[in-house]
């Protein structure tokens, strides 16, 4: 464990999260579970959703996170941070396209994206936050590229945890498979962000 991860744990614990410093970092994380507020975002799922309904929910969460990064980009006067926020928003846009393709496969029918998006709930983003409450709480501490990447990693970890807990709550194996697939995607995103942070810090 290094000084960066130790500092991140201290920062998150000070903000009310229950976190642990993982020896070996994210690359040593082999278990699909994570720690966090146990009931955060769980009210969004009842447990009897179909795979399509879960994909619609997930699409909305991805769109929420894209809107967060877009809002941060609009407020940013730092060109480096503006570029990073736009890059992160673009990544979420790619996630949305992947989920829409997954939805078409699950439905086995052709639906245009506009019709699909009319079903989306836009109040929440990945991790179970609303965009407004997240901006109020975390925008003041996102002052450098490293701050932004660390917060992005926290959000991806929260999203991973939420998808795993949704899978545990679901009663349908097909839905569990979709959710655990999404959790694997979030784990991959976490790894990419960790590599980006290493690149920025010269490690």
Foldseek 3Di string as FASTA:
>chain_A
DDPVLVVLCVVVVVVPWHADRDVVPLVPDDDLAGGGDPCAQVVVDQQADDLLVVLLAQLLQLVQLLVLLVVLLVPDPDPVSVVVSNVSSVVSVVVNVVSVVVNCVRVVDDDDVVVSNVPHDNQHHQLRHGSVVCCVRQVVQCDDPLSVLSVVLVSLNSNSNVLCVSLVSHPDPVNVVSSNVVSVVSSVVNVVSVVVSCVVVVD
